[in-house]
Amino acid sequence: MRTPAEIRDEYIDSLNHIDSAYGKICGQVGRGRLLSFPDIHKLSEGLFLSALTYWEALCRDLMVTDLATVSAGTLLSEIKKFRTKNAPYRLAERMLNHPDHPDKFVEWSSFESIVSRANEFLGTGHRYALTAVEKQDLAKIKKIRNAIAHKSDKAWDNFFSLIRGTPFNLTGKQCRGVTPGRFISAHQWGGVVVMKKTLTVLDNAARTLVP
């Protein structure tokens, strides 16, 4: 089984790959080039979702590993001896998966829910303790993700409230016709393009979870 450091490093490698791919795409946009601006908007949404999908997998894999190895967790505190070396990992997966897995699955996109599950299964002192700023940034990223993934009225209302507010402060004119992909690739967050800032936030959060 992979160690927490290996899980973190694999995720950071994925983020670096996404960052590299985004840079290559940006270099092909414009008049007379391979891609149009609508192309990069659409492709940016895909890369953004990929970064978030792998983030969810990172959190899940870390929690499975922690539940299988941390003595204070509900699994090892109840069971002292296993028949095989990998048994605690298989049992940890079953405890954390949806009861109807694989037909149904647990949502891992909400960090608040992840912390709640860590409190329940791992007790106090677990690794899922990000800074307030990191949690706020992840909440912003989730609203963008939901606007891409769901297209529901609620998701879009949250998205537009986000981009109109601090730190983005888009005007009514700037919001007209904006899509998540256009916002990700054409607007800034903290002095850099939103896509690049998102990758930095996720990278930092991964390193906070696994120093």
N, C-alpha and C. Protein backbone atom coordinates (compact mmCIF):
# COMPACT_ATOMS: atom_id res chain seq x y z
N MET A 1 0.84 -1.20 0.00
CA MET A 1 0.00 0.00 0.00
C MET A 1 0.88 1.25 0.00
N ARG A 2 0.35 2.34 -0.56
CA ARG A 2 1.11 3.57 -0.65
C ARG A 2 1.13 4.29 0.70
N THR A 3 2.23 4.97 0.97
CA THR A 3 2.33 5.79 2.17
C THR A 3 1.66 7.14 1.90
N PRO A 4 1.32 7.90 2.96
CA PRO A 4 0.76 9.23 2.75
C PRO A 4 1.66 10.12 1.88
N ALA A 5 2.98 10.02 2.06
CA ALA A 5 3.90 10.83 1.26
C ALA A 5 3.82 10.44 -0.22
N GLU A 6 3.68 9.15 -0.49
CA GLU A 6 3.56 8.70 -1.88
C GLU A 6 2.25 9.18 -2.49
N ILE A 7 1.17 9.14 -1.72
CA ILE A 7 -0.13 9.63 -2.19
C ILE A 7 -0.04 11.12 -2.52
N ARG A 8 0.59 11.88 -1.62
CA ARG A 8 0.77 13.32 -1.86
C ARG A 8 1.60 13.58 -3.10
N ASP A 9 2.71 12.88 -3.23
CA ASP A 9 3.62 13.12 -4.35
C ASP A 9 2.97 12.78 -5.69
N GLU A 10 2.17 11.72 -5.72
CA GLU A 10 1.45 11.36 -6.95
C GLU A 10 0.47 12.47 -7.32
N TYR A 11 -0.18 13.04 -6.32
CA TYR A 11 -1.11 14.13 -6.61
C TYR A 11 -0.38 15.36 -7.12
N ILE A 12 0.71 15.72 -6.49
CA ILE A 12 1.47 16.89 -6.93
C ILE A 12 2.01 16.67 -8.34
N ASP A 13 2.40 15.44 -8.66
CA ASP A 13 2.81 15.14 -10.04
C ASP A 13 1.66 15.40 -11.01
N SER A 14 0.44 15.03 -10.61
CA SER A 14 -0.73 15.27 -11.47
C SER A 14 -0.97 16.77 -11.66
N LEU A 15 -0.83 17.53 -10.57
CA LEU A 15 -1.00 18.98 -10.67
C LEU A 15 0.06 19.59 -11.60
N ASN A 16 1.28 19.11 -11.50
CA ASN A 16 2.35 19.62 -12.37
C ASN A 16 2.06 19.29 -13.83
N HIS A 17 1.51 18.10 -14.07
CA HIS A 17 1.14 17.72 -15.44
C HIS A 17 0.03 18.63 -15.97
N ILE A 18 -0.97 18.89 -15.14
CA ILE A 18 -2.07 19.78 -15.53
C ILE A 18 -1.53 21.18 -15.81
N ASP A 19 -0.63 21.65 -14.96
CA ASP A 19 -0.03 22.98 -15.15
C ASP A 19 0.73 23.04 -16.47
N SER A 20 1.48 21.99 -16.77
CA SER A 20 2.23 21.93 -18.03
C SER A 20 1.30 21.92 -19.23
N ALA A 21 0.24 21.12 -19.14
CA ALA A 21 -0.72 21.04 -20.24
C ALA A 21 -1.41 22.38 -20.45
N TYR A 22 -1.75 23.05 -19.36
CA TYR A 22 -2.39 24.36 -19.46
C TYR A 22 -1.47 25.36 -20.15
N GLY A 23 -0.20 25.32 -19.79
CA GLY A 23 0.76 26.22 -20.42
C GLY A 23 0.89 25.98 -21.92
N LYS A 24 0.87 24.72 -22.32
CA LYS A 24 0.96 24.39 -23.75
C LYS A 24 -0.28 24.89 -24.49
N ILE A 25 -1.44 24.74 -23.87
CA ILE A 25 -2.68 25.21 -24.49
C ILE A 25 -2.66 26.72 -24.66
N CYS A 26 -2.24 27.42 -23.60
CA CYS A 26 -2.20 28.88 -23.67
C CYS A 26 -1.27 29.37 -24.78
N GLY A 27 -0.22 28.61 -25.06
CA GLY A 27 0.71 28.99 -26.10
C GLY A 27 0.19 28.79 -27.51
N GLN A 28 -1.00 28.16 -27.62
CA GLN A 28 -1.57 27.89 -28.94
C GLN A 28 -2.85 28.69 -29.20
N VAL A 29 -3.08 29.73 -28.39
CA VAL A 29 -4.32 30.49 -28.50
C VAL A 29 -4.08 31.84 -29.18
N GLY A 30 -4.99 32.20 -30.07
CA GLY A 30 -4.91 33.52 -30.70
C GLY A 30 -5.06 33.45 -32.20
N ARG A 31 -5.09 34.62 -32.82
CA ARG A 31 -5.27 34.70 -34.26
C ARG A 31 -4.13 33.98 -34.99
N GLY A 32 -4.51 33.11 -35.91
CA GLY A 32 -3.53 32.37 -36.69
C GLY A 32 -2.94 31.17 -35.98
N ARG A 33 -3.40 30.91 -34.75
CA ARG A 33 -2.89 29.77 -34.01
C ARG A 33 -3.92 28.64 -33.98
N LEU A 34 -3.52 27.55 -33.35
CA LEU A 34 -4.33 26.34 -33.40
C LEU A 34 -5.66 26.49 -32.69
N LEU A 35 -5.70 27.20 -31.55
CA LEU A 35 -6.88 27.27 -30.70
C LEU A 35 -7.48 28.67 -30.64
N SER A 36 -8.79 28.74 -30.53
CA SER A 36 -9.50 30.00 -30.31
C SER A 36 -9.69 30.21 -28.81
N PHE A 37 -10.15 31.41 -28.43
CA PHE A 37 -10.41 31.67 -27.02
C PHE A 37 -11.53 30.78 -26.47
N PRO A 38 -12.64 30.55 -27.21
CA PRO A 38 -13.63 29.58 -26.70
C PRO A 38 -13.04 28.19 -26.49
N ASP A 39 -12.03 27.82 -27.32
CA ASP A 39 -11.38 26.52 -27.13
C ASP A 39 -10.68 26.44 -25.78
N ILE A 40 -9.92 27.49 -25.44
CA ILE A 40 -9.19 27.44 -24.17
C ILE A 40 -10.15 27.52 -22.99
N HIS A 41 -11.28 28.21 -23.16
CA HIS A 41 -12.27 28.25 -22.09
C HIS A 41 -12.78 26.85 -21.79
N LYS A 42 -13.10 26.11 -22.84
CA LYS A 42 -13.63 24.75 -22.66
C LYS A 42 -12.56 23.80 -22.13
N LEU A 43 -11.36 23.90 -22.67
CA LEU A 43 -10.28 23.02 -22.22
C LEU A 43 -9.88 23.34 -20.78
N SER A 44 -9.95 24.60 -20.40
CA SER A 44 -9.62 24.98 -19.02
C SER A 44 -10.59 24.33 -18.03
N GLU A 45 -11.86 24.26 -18.40
CA GLU A 45 -12.84 23.61 -17.53
C GLU A 45 -12.46 22.15 -17.30
N GLY A 46 -12.03 21.47 -18.36
CA GLY A 46 -11.65 20.07 -18.22
C GLY A 46 -10.44 19.89 -17.32
N LEU A 47 -9.42 20.72 -17.49
CA LEU A 47 -8.24 20.63 -16.65
C LEU A 47 -8.56 20.98 -15.20
N PHE A 48 -9.42 21.97 -15.02
CA PHE A 48 -9.84 22.38 -13.68
C PHE A 48 -10.53 21.21 -12.97
N LEU A 49 -11.47 20.57 -13.66
CA LEU A 49 -12.17 19.43 -13.07
C LEU A 49 -11.23 18.28 -12.78
N SER A 50 -10.24 18.08 -13.63
CA SER A 50 -9.25 17.02 -13.40
C SER A 50 -8.50 17.28 -12.10
N ALA A 51 -8.07 18.51 -11.88
CA ALA A 51 -7.35 18.85 -10.66
C ALA A 51 -8.20 18.58 -9.42
N LEU A 52 -9.50 18.90 -9.51
CA LEU A 52 -10.40 18.68 -8.38
C LEU A 52 -10.73 17.20 -8.19
N THR A 53 -10.86 16.46 -9.28
CA THR A 53 -11.13 15.03 -9.18
C THR A 53 -9.99 14.31 -8.47
N TYR A 54 -8.76 14.67 -8.84
CA TYR A 54 -7.61 14.05 -8.19
C TYR A 54 -7.45 14.53 -6.75
N TRP A 55 -7.90 15.75 -6.44
CA TRP A 55 -7.91 16.22 -5.06
C TRP A 55 -8.84 15.37 -4.21
N GLU A 56 -10.02 15.08 -4.74
CA GLU A 56 -10.97 14.24 -4.02
C GLU A 56 -10.37 12.85 -3.78
N ALA A 57 -9.68 12.32 -4.79
CA ALA A 57 -9.05 11.00 -4.66
C ALA A 57 -7.94 11.04 -3.61
N LEU A 58 -7.19 12.16 -3.58
CA LEU A 58 -6.14 12.31 -2.56
C LEU A 58 -6.74 12.24 -1.16
N CYS A 59 -7.81 12.99 -0.92
CA CYS A 59 -8.44 13.00 0.41
C CYS A 59 -8.98 11.63 0.77
N ARG A 60 -9.60 10.97 -0.19
CA ARG A 60 -10.14 9.63 0.08
C ARG A 60 -9.02 8.64 0.38
N ASP A 61 -7.99 8.63 -0.44
CA ASP A 61 -6.90 7.67 -0.26
C ASP A 61 -6.16 7.91 1.05
N LEU A 62 -5.98 9.18 1.41
CA LEU A 62 -5.33 9.48 2.69
C LEU A 62 -6.17 8.98 3.86
N MET A 63 -7.49 9.18 3.78
CA MET A 63 -8.32 8.77 4.90
C MET A 63 -8.38 7.25 5.03
N VAL A 64 -8.42 6.55 3.89
CA VAL A 64 -8.38 5.09 3.94
C VAL A 64 -7.08 4.63 4.60
N THR A 65 -5.96 5.22 4.18
CA THR A 65 -4.66 4.85 4.74
C THR A 65 -4.60 5.16 6.22
N ASP A 66 -5.10 6.34 6.60
CA ASP A 66 -5.08 6.70 8.02
C ASP A 66 -5.94 5.76 8.85
N LEU A 67 -7.13 5.46 8.36
CA LEU A 67 -8.02 4.57 9.11
C LEU A 67 -7.40 3.18 9.27
N ALA A 68 -6.62 2.75 8.28
CA ALA A 68 -6.01 1.43 8.32
C ALA A 68 -4.74 1.39 9.17
N THR A 69 -4.18 2.56 9.50
CA THR A 69 -2.87 2.56 10.17
C THR A 69 -2.81 3.34 11.48
N VAL A 70 -3.74 4.27 11.70
CA VAL A 70 -3.66 5.11 12.90
C VAL A 70 -4.32 4.39 14.07
N SER A 71 -3.57 4.22 15.14
CA SER A 71 -4.07 3.43 16.27
C SER A 71 -5.26 4.07 16.96
N ALA A 72 -5.40 5.39 16.88
CA ALA A 72 -6.52 6.07 17.54
C ALA A 72 -7.81 5.97 16.74
N GLY A 73 -7.74 5.50 15.49
CA GLY A 73 -8.94 5.40 14.66
C GLY A 73 -9.87 4.30 15.12
N THR A 74 -11.11 4.36 14.64
CA THR A 74 -12.12 3.40 15.11
C THR A 74 -11.81 1.97 14.69
N LEU A 75 -11.04 1.78 13.63
CA LEU A 75 -10.74 0.41 13.18
C LEU A 75 -9.71 -0.26 14.08
N LEU A 76 -8.55 0.33 14.23
CA LEU A 76 -7.49 -0.31 15.01
C LEU A 76 -7.75 -0.26 16.51
N SER A 77 -8.58 0.67 16.95
CA SER A 77 -8.91 0.70 18.38
C SER A 77 -9.85 -0.45 18.76
N GLU A 78 -10.55 -1.00 17.76
CA GLU A 78 -11.48 -2.10 18.01
C GLU A 78 -10.88 -3.46 17.66
N ILE A 79 -9.99 -3.48 16.67
CA ILE A 79 -9.42 -4.75 16.20
C ILE A 79 -7.91 -4.69 16.35
N LYS A 80 -7.34 -5.61 17.09
CA LYS A 80 -5.91 -5.62 17.34
C LYS A 80 -5.14 -6.55 16.42
N LYS A 81 -5.81 -7.58 15.89
CA LYS A 81 -5.11 -8.56 15.08
C LYS A 81 -5.91 -8.84 13.81
N PHE A 82 -5.21 -8.84 12.67
CA PHE A 82 -5.84 -9.10 11.37
C PHE A 82 -5.25 -10.36 10.76
N ARG A 83 -6.02 -11.02 9.93
CA ARG A 83 -5.57 -12.28 9.34
C ARG A 83 -4.50 -12.07 8.29
N THR A 84 -4.58 -10.96 7.55
CA THR A 84 -3.60 -10.68 6.51
C THR A 84 -3.10 -9.25 6.63
N LYS A 85 -1.98 -8.95 5.97
CA LYS A 85 -1.35 -7.64 6.04
C LYS A 85 -2.23 -6.54 5.48
N ASN A 86 -2.94 -6.84 4.39
CA ASN A 86 -3.76 -5.82 3.73
C ASN A 86 -5.19 -5.75 4.24
N ALA A 87 -5.55 -6.61 5.19
CA ALA A 87 -6.92 -6.64 5.70
C ALA A 87 -7.38 -5.28 6.25
N PRO A 88 -6.55 -4.56 7.03
CA PRO A 88 -7.03 -3.27 7.56
C PRO A 88 -7.35 -2.26 6.46
N TYR A 89 -6.61 -2.30 5.34
CA TYR A 89 -6.88 -1.39 4.23
C TYR A 89 -8.22 -1.74 3.56
N ARG A 90 -8.46 -3.03 3.38
CA ARG A 90 -9.74 -3.45 2.76
C ARG A 90 -10.91 -3.10 3.67
N LEU A 91 -10.75 -3.30 4.96
CA LEU A 91 -11.82 -2.97 5.90
C LEU A 91 -12.02 -1.46 5.98
N ALA A 92 -10.93 -0.71 5.94
CA ALA A 92 -11.04 0.76 5.97
C ALA A 92 -11.81 1.25 4.76
N GLU A 93 -11.54 0.68 3.58
CA GLU A 93 -12.28 1.07 2.38
C GLU A 93 -13.76 0.77 2.53
N ARG A 94 -14.09 -0.37 3.09
CA ARG A 94 -15.50 -0.73 3.26
C ARG A 94 -16.19 0.20 4.25
N MET A 95 -15.49 0.61 5.27
CA MET A 95 -16.08 1.51 6.26
C MET A 95 -16.33 2.90 5.67
N LEU A 96 -15.45 3.35 4.78
CA LEU A 96 -15.55 4.70 4.25
C LEU A 96 -16.34 4.78 2.96
N ASN A 97 -16.52 3.65 2.26
CA ASN A 97 -17.31 3.65 1.03
C ASN A 97 -18.80 3.70 1.34
N HIS A 98 -19.58 4.06 0.33
CA HIS A 98 -21.04 4.01 0.44
C HIS A 98 -21.47 2.57 0.66
N PRO A 99 -22.50 2.33 1.48
CA PRO A 99 -22.97 0.95 1.70
C PRO A 99 -23.33 0.22 0.41
N ASP A 100 -23.76 0.96 -0.62
CA ASP A 100 -24.13 0.34 -1.90
C ASP A 100 -23.02 0.44 -2.93
N HIS A 101 -21.79 0.66 -2.49
CA HIS A 101 -20.64 0.69 -3.39
C HIS A 101 -20.57 -0.63 -4.17
N PRO A 102 -20.26 -0.62 -5.48
CA PRO A 102 -19.81 0.52 -6.28
C PRO A 102 -20.94 1.25 -7.03
N ASP A 103 -22.18 0.84 -6.85
CA ASP A 103 -23.27 1.51 -7.59
C ASP A 103 -23.49 2.95 -7.11
N LYS A 104 -23.24 3.19 -5.84
CA LYS A 104 -23.35 4.54 -5.29
C LYS A 104 -22.05 4.88 -4.58
N PHE A 105 -21.77 6.17 -4.44
CA PHE A 105 -20.49 6.58 -3.88
C PHE A 105 -20.66 7.74 -2.91
N VAL A 106 -19.67 7.90 -2.05
CA VAL A 106 -19.64 8.99 -1.08
C VAL A 106 -19.07 10.24 -1.75
N GLU A 107 -19.64 11.38 -1.46
CA GLU A 107 -19.17 12.65 -2.00
C GLU A 107 -17.92 13.11 -1.24
N TRP A 108 -16.85 13.39 -1.99
CA TRP A 108 -15.59 13.82 -1.39
C TRP A 108 -15.22 15.25 -1.81
N SER A 109 -16.14 16.00 -2.39
CA SER A 109 -15.81 17.34 -2.87
C SER A 109 -15.91 18.41 -1.78
N SER A 110 -16.58 18.10 -0.68
CA SER A 110 -16.73 19.07 0.41
C SER A 110 -15.69 18.80 1.49
N PHE A 111 -14.79 19.77 1.72
CA PHE A 111 -13.78 19.54 2.75
C PHE A 111 -14.40 19.53 4.13
N GLU A 112 -15.49 20.25 4.33
CA GLU A 112 -16.18 20.22 5.62
C GLU A 112 -16.66 18.81 5.93
N SER A 113 -17.17 18.11 4.92
CA SER A 113 -17.62 16.74 5.11
C SER A 113 -16.45 15.81 5.39
N ILE A 114 -15.32 16.07 4.75
CA ILE A 114 -14.12 15.27 4.98
C ILE A 114 -13.66 15.41 6.42
N VAL A 115 -13.66 16.64 6.93
CA VAL A 115 -13.28 16.87 8.32
C VAL A 115 -14.25 16.16 9.27
N SER A 116 -15.54 16.22 8.94
CA SER A 116 -16.54 15.56 9.77
C SER A 116 -16.30 14.05 9.82
N ARG A 117 -15.98 13.45 8.69
CA ARG A 117 -15.71 12.01 8.65
C ARG A 117 -14.42 11.68 9.39
N ALA A 118 -13.43 12.55 9.28
CA ALA A 118 -12.19 12.33 10.02
C ALA A 118 -12.44 12.38 11.53
N ASN A 119 -13.26 13.33 11.96
CA ASN A 119 -13.60 13.41 13.38
C ASN A 119 -14.28 12.12 13.85
N GLU A 120 -15.14 11.59 13.00
CA GLU A 120 -15.90 10.39 13.36
C GLU A 120 -15.03 9.15 13.38
N PHE A 121 -14.19 8.98 12.37
CA PHE A 121 -13.44 7.74 12.22
C PHE A 121 -12.04 7.77 12.81
N LEU A 122 -11.43 8.96 12.91
CA LEU A 122 -10.03 9.02 13.33
C LEU A 122 -9.83 9.69 14.68
N GLY A 123 -10.86 10.35 15.20
CA GLY A 123 -10.73 11.02 16.48
C GLY A 123 -9.97 12.34 16.36
N THR A 124 -9.64 12.91 17.49
CA THR A 124 -8.95 14.21 17.49
C THR A 124 -7.50 14.04 17.06
N GLY A 125 -6.93 15.13 16.61
CA GLY A 125 -5.51 15.10 16.25
C GLY A 125 -5.24 14.56 14.85
N HIS A 126 -6.27 14.43 14.01
CA HIS A 126 -6.05 13.93 12.65
C HIS A 126 -5.41 15.02 11.78
N ARG A 127 -5.02 14.62 10.58
CA ARG A 127 -4.27 15.52 9.69
C ARG A 127 -5.15 16.54 8.96
N TYR A 128 -6.47 16.39 8.99
CA TYR A 128 -7.35 17.19 8.14
C TYR A 128 -7.69 18.52 8.81
N ALA A 129 -6.65 19.31 9.03
CA ALA A 129 -6.80 20.60 9.72
C ALA A 129 -6.09 21.67 8.90
N LEU A 130 -6.74 22.14 7.88
CA LEU A 130 -6.19 23.21 7.05
C LEU A 130 -6.37 24.56 7.74
N THR A 131 -5.62 25.54 7.28
CA THR A 131 -5.78 26.90 7.82
C THR A 131 -7.12 27.48 7.35
N ALA A 132 -7.56 28.53 8.01
CA ALA A 132 -8.82 29.18 7.64
C ALA A 132 -8.76 29.67 6.19
N VAL A 133 -7.62 30.24 5.80
CA VAL A 133 -7.48 30.75 4.44
C VAL A 133 -7.55 29.60 3.43
N GLU A 134 -6.89 28.50 3.72
CA GLU A 134 -6.92 27.34 2.81
C GLU A 134 -8.35 26.82 2.65
N LYS A 135 -9.08 26.75 3.74
CA LYS A 135 -10.47 26.28 3.66
C LYS A 135 -11.34 27.25 2.88
N GLN A 136 -11.12 28.55 3.06
CA GLN A 136 -11.89 29.54 2.30
C GLN A 136 -11.58 29.45 0.81
N ASP A 137 -10.31 29.24 0.48
CA ASP A 137 -9.92 29.12 -0.93
C ASP A 137 -10.52 27.86 -1.55
N LEU A 138 -10.51 26.76 -0.81
CA LEU A 138 -11.12 25.53 -1.32
C LEU A 138 -12.62 25.70 -1.54
N ALA A 139 -13.27 26.47 -0.66
CA ALA A 139 -14.70 26.72 -0.83
C ALA A 139 -14.96 27.52 -2.11
N LYS A 140 -14.09 28.46 -2.42
CA LYS A 140 -14.22 29.22 -3.68
C LYS A 140 -14.07 28.28 -4.87
N ILE A 141 -13.05 27.43 -4.81
CA ILE A 141 -12.79 26.50 -5.90
C ILE A 141 -13.96 25.55 -6.10
N LYS A 142 -14.56 25.13 -5.00
CA LYS A 142 -15.71 24.21 -5.11
C LYS A 142 -16.88 24.88 -5.82
N LYS A 143 -17.11 26.17 -5.58
CA LYS A 143 -18.21 26.86 -6.26
C LYS A 143 -17.97 26.93 -7.76
N ILE A 144 -16.73 27.13 -8.16
CA ILE A 144 -16.41 27.12 -9.59
C ILE A 144 -16.61 25.73 -10.15
N ARG A 145 -16.16 24.74 -9.41
CA ARG A 145 -16.31 23.34 -9.83
C ARG A 145 -17.78 22.97 -10.02
N ASN A 146 -18.63 23.40 -9.09
CA ASN A 146 -20.04 23.06 -9.18
C ASN A 146 -20.71 23.72 -10.39
N ALA A 147 -20.26 24.93 -10.72
CA ALA A 147 -20.83 25.62 -11.88
C ALA A 147 -20.47 24.88 -13.18
N ILE A 148 -19.31 24.22 -13.20
CA ILE A 148 -18.92 23.42 -14.36
C ILE A 148 -19.67 22.10 -14.38
N ALA A 149 -19.73 21.45 -13.22
CA ALA A 149 -20.21 20.07 -13.16
C ALA A 149 -21.73 19.94 -13.12
N HIS A 150 -22.43 20.92 -12.54
CA HIS A 150 -23.86 20.73 -12.28
C HIS A 150 -24.77 21.56 -13.18
N LYS A 151 -24.43 22.80 -13.44
CA LYS A 151 -25.26 23.70 -14.24
C LYS A 151 -26.62 23.97 -13.61
N SER A 152 -26.77 23.66 -12.32
CA SER A 152 -28.04 23.93 -11.66
C SER A 152 -28.16 25.42 -11.35
N ASP A 153 -29.39 25.88 -11.09
CA ASP A 153 -29.61 27.29 -10.76
C ASP A 153 -28.81 27.67 -9.51
N LYS A 154 -28.82 26.80 -8.51
CA LYS A 154 -28.09 27.09 -7.27
C LYS A 154 -26.59 27.20 -7.52
N ALA A 155 -26.05 26.27 -8.30
CA ALA A 155 -24.62 26.30 -8.60
C ALA A 155 -24.24 27.58 -9.33
N TRP A 156 -25.09 28.01 -10.28
CA TRP A 156 -24.79 29.22 -11.04
C TRP A 156 -24.97 30.47 -10.19
N ASP A 157 -25.98 30.48 -9.32
CA ASP A 157 -26.16 31.62 -8.42
C ASP A 157 -24.94 31.77 -7.51
N ASN A 158 -24.45 30.65 -6.97
CA ASN A 158 -23.27 30.69 -6.11
C ASN A 158 -22.03 31.14 -6.88
N PHE A 159 -21.93 30.70 -8.14
CA PHE A 159 -20.79 31.08 -8.97
C PHE A 159 -20.79 32.59 -9.23
N PHE A 160 -21.94 33.13 -9.61
CA PHE A 160 -21.99 34.56 -9.90
C PHE A 160 -21.82 35.40 -8.63
N SER A 161 -22.31 34.92 -7.52
CA SER A 161 -22.07 35.63 -6.26
C SER A 161 -20.58 35.64 -5.94
N LEU A 162 -19.92 34.53 -6.24
CA LEU A 162 -18.48 34.42 -5.98
C LEU A 162 -17.69 35.41 -6.82
N ILE A 163 -17.94 35.44 -8.12
CA ILE A 163 -17.10 36.26 -8.99
C ILE A 163 -17.39 37.76 -8.84
N ARG A 164 -18.58 38.09 -8.32
CA ARG A 164 -18.88 39.50 -8.07
C ARG A 164 -18.26 40.00 -6.76
N GLY A 165 -17.98 39.05 -5.88
CA GLY A 165 -17.47 39.42 -4.56
C GLY A 165 -15.96 39.45 -4.49
N THR A 166 -15.44 39.77 -3.31
CA THR A 166 -14.01 39.79 -3.05
C THR A 166 -13.46 38.37 -3.09
N PRO A 167 -12.31 38.14 -3.71
CA PRO A 167 -11.34 39.11 -4.23
C PRO A 167 -11.46 39.37 -5.73
N PHE A 168 -12.49 38.84 -6.39
CA PHE A 168 -12.57 38.93 -7.85
C PHE A 168 -13.21 40.25 -8.30
N ASN A 169 -14.34 40.61 -7.68
CA ASN A 169 -14.97 41.91 -7.91
C ASN A 169 -15.26 42.21 -9.38
N LEU A 170 -15.81 41.23 -10.09
CA LEU A 170 -16.17 41.47 -11.48
C LEU A 170 -17.38 42.38 -11.55
N THR A 171 -17.37 43.30 -12.49
CA THR A 171 -18.49 44.21 -12.69
C THR A 171 -19.61 43.51 -13.44
N GLY A 172 -20.77 44.16 -13.50
CA GLY A 172 -21.88 43.59 -14.25
C GLY A 172 -21.52 43.35 -15.70
N LYS A 173 -20.77 44.29 -16.29
CA LYS A 173 -20.36 44.15 -17.68
C LYS A 173 -19.42 42.96 -17.85
N GLN A 174 -18.50 42.77 -16.92
CA GLN A 174 -17.57 41.65 -17.00
C GLN A 174 -18.27 40.31 -16.81
N CYS A 175 -19.35 40.30 -16.05
CA CYS A 175 -20.09 39.06 -15.80
C CYS A 175 -20.96 38.65 -16.99
N ARG A 176 -21.24 39.61 -17.88
CA ARG A 176 -22.13 39.33 -18.99
C ARG A 176 -21.48 38.31 -19.93
N GLY A 177 -22.12 37.16 -20.09
CA GLY A 177 -21.62 36.14 -20.99
C GLY A 177 -20.47 35.31 -20.45
N VAL A 178 -20.09 35.54 -19.19
CA VAL A 178 -18.97 34.80 -18.63
C VAL A 178 -19.37 33.34 -18.39
N THR A 179 -18.44 32.45 -18.60
CA THR A 179 -18.60 31.03 -18.29
C THR A 179 -17.53 30.66 -17.27
N PRO A 180 -17.66 29.54 -16.59
CA PRO A 180 -16.58 29.13 -15.68
C PRO A 180 -15.24 29.03 -16.40
N GLY A 181 -15.23 28.48 -17.61
CA GLY A 181 -13.97 28.35 -18.35
C GLY A 181 -13.35 29.69 -18.69
N ARG A 182 -14.18 30.62 -19.10
CA ARG A 182 -13.67 31.97 -19.40
C ARG A 182 -13.14 32.63 -18.14
N PHE A 183 -13.87 32.47 -17.03
CA PHE A 183 -13.43 33.05 -15.76
C PHE A 183 -12.09 32.44 -15.34
N ILE A 184 -11.95 31.12 -15.44
CA ILE A 184 -10.74 30.43 -15.02
C ILE A 184 -9.52 30.91 -15.81
N SER A 185 -9.70 31.12 -17.10
CA SER A 185 -8.56 31.38 -17.98
C SER A 185 -8.32 32.86 -18.28
N ALA A 186 -9.32 33.72 -18.02
CA ALA A 186 -9.19 35.12 -18.43
C ALA A 186 -9.19 36.12 -17.27
N HIS A 187 -9.43 35.66 -16.05
CA HIS A 187 -9.47 36.57 -14.91
C HIS A 187 -8.44 36.17 -13.87
N GLN A 188 -8.15 37.10 -12.99
CA GLN A 188 -7.07 36.89 -12.03
C GLN A 188 -7.58 36.71 -10.60
N TRP A 189 -6.72 36.04 -9.84
CA TRP A 189 -6.97 35.80 -8.41
C TRP A 189 -5.62 35.98 -7.71
N GLY A 190 -5.50 37.01 -6.93
CA GLY A 190 -4.25 37.26 -6.25
C GLY A 190 -3.09 37.58 -7.18
N GLY A 191 -3.40 38.21 -8.30
CA GLY A 191 -2.36 38.64 -9.22
C GLY A 191 -1.96 37.63 -10.27
N VAL A 192 -2.58 36.44 -10.27
CA VAL A 192 -2.31 35.43 -11.30
C VAL A 192 -3.63 34.92 -11.86
N VAL A 193 -3.57 34.27 -13.00
CA VAL A 193 -4.77 33.72 -13.62
C VAL A 193 -5.42 32.71 -12.66
N VAL A 194 -6.74 32.69 -12.61
CA VAL A 194 -7.47 31.84 -11.67
C VAL A 194 -7.04 30.38 -11.76
N MET A 195 -6.80 29.88 -12.96
CA MET A 195 -6.38 28.49 -13.12
C MET A 195 -5.06 28.23 -12.40
N LYS A 196 -4.10 29.12 -12.56
CA LYS A 196 -2.80 28.94 -11.92
C LYS A 196 -2.91 29.05 -10.39
N LYS A 197 -3.72 30.00 -9.92
CA LYS A 197 -3.93 30.16 -8.49
C LYS A 197 -4.58 28.91 -7.90
N THR A 198 -5.53 28.33 -8.63
CA THR A 198 -6.20 27.12 -8.17
C THR A 198 -5.20 25.99 -7.97
N LEU A 199 -4.31 25.81 -8.92
CA LEU A 199 -3.31 24.75 -8.81
C LEU A 199 -2.39 25.00 -7.62
N THR A 200 -2.06 26.27 -7.36
CA THR A 200 -1.22 26.59 -6.21
C THR A 200 -1.93 26.30 -4.90
N VAL A 201 -3.22 26.66 -4.82
CA VAL A 201 -4.00 26.39 -3.62
C VAL A 201 -4.05 24.89 -3.34
N LEU A 202 -4.31 24.10 -4.35
CA LEU A 202 -4.41 22.65 -4.18
C LEU A 202 -3.06 22.03 -3.81
N ASP A 203 -2.00 22.52 -4.43
CA ASP A 203 -0.66 22.05 -4.10
C ASP A 203 -0.34 22.34 -2.63
N ASN A 204 -0.60 23.56 -2.19
CA ASN A 204 -0.32 23.94 -0.80
C ASN A 204 -1.16 23.12 0.18
N ALA A 205 -2.43 22.90 -0.16
CA ALA A 205 -3.32 22.13 0.71
C ALA A 205 -2.82 20.69 0.84
N ALA A 206 -2.37 20.11 -0.26
CA ALA A 206 -1.85 18.74 -0.22
C ALA A 206 -0.62 18.66 0.69
N ARG A 207 0.22 19.69 0.61
CA ARG A 207 1.44 19.70 1.44
C ARG A 207 1.11 19.99 2.91
N THR A 208 0.00 20.66 3.17
CA THR A 208 -0.44 20.85 4.54
C THR A 208 -0.95 19.54 5.13
N LEU A 209 -1.71 18.80 4.33
CA LEU A 209 -2.23 17.51 4.80
C LEU A 209 -1.11 16.51 5.04
N VAL A 210 -0.11 16.54 4.17
CA VAL A 210 1.03 15.63 4.31
C VAL A 210 2.31 16.47 4.24
N PRO A 211 2.78 16.99 5.36
CA PRO A 211 3.97 17.87 5.37
C PRO A 211 5.22 17.16 4.84
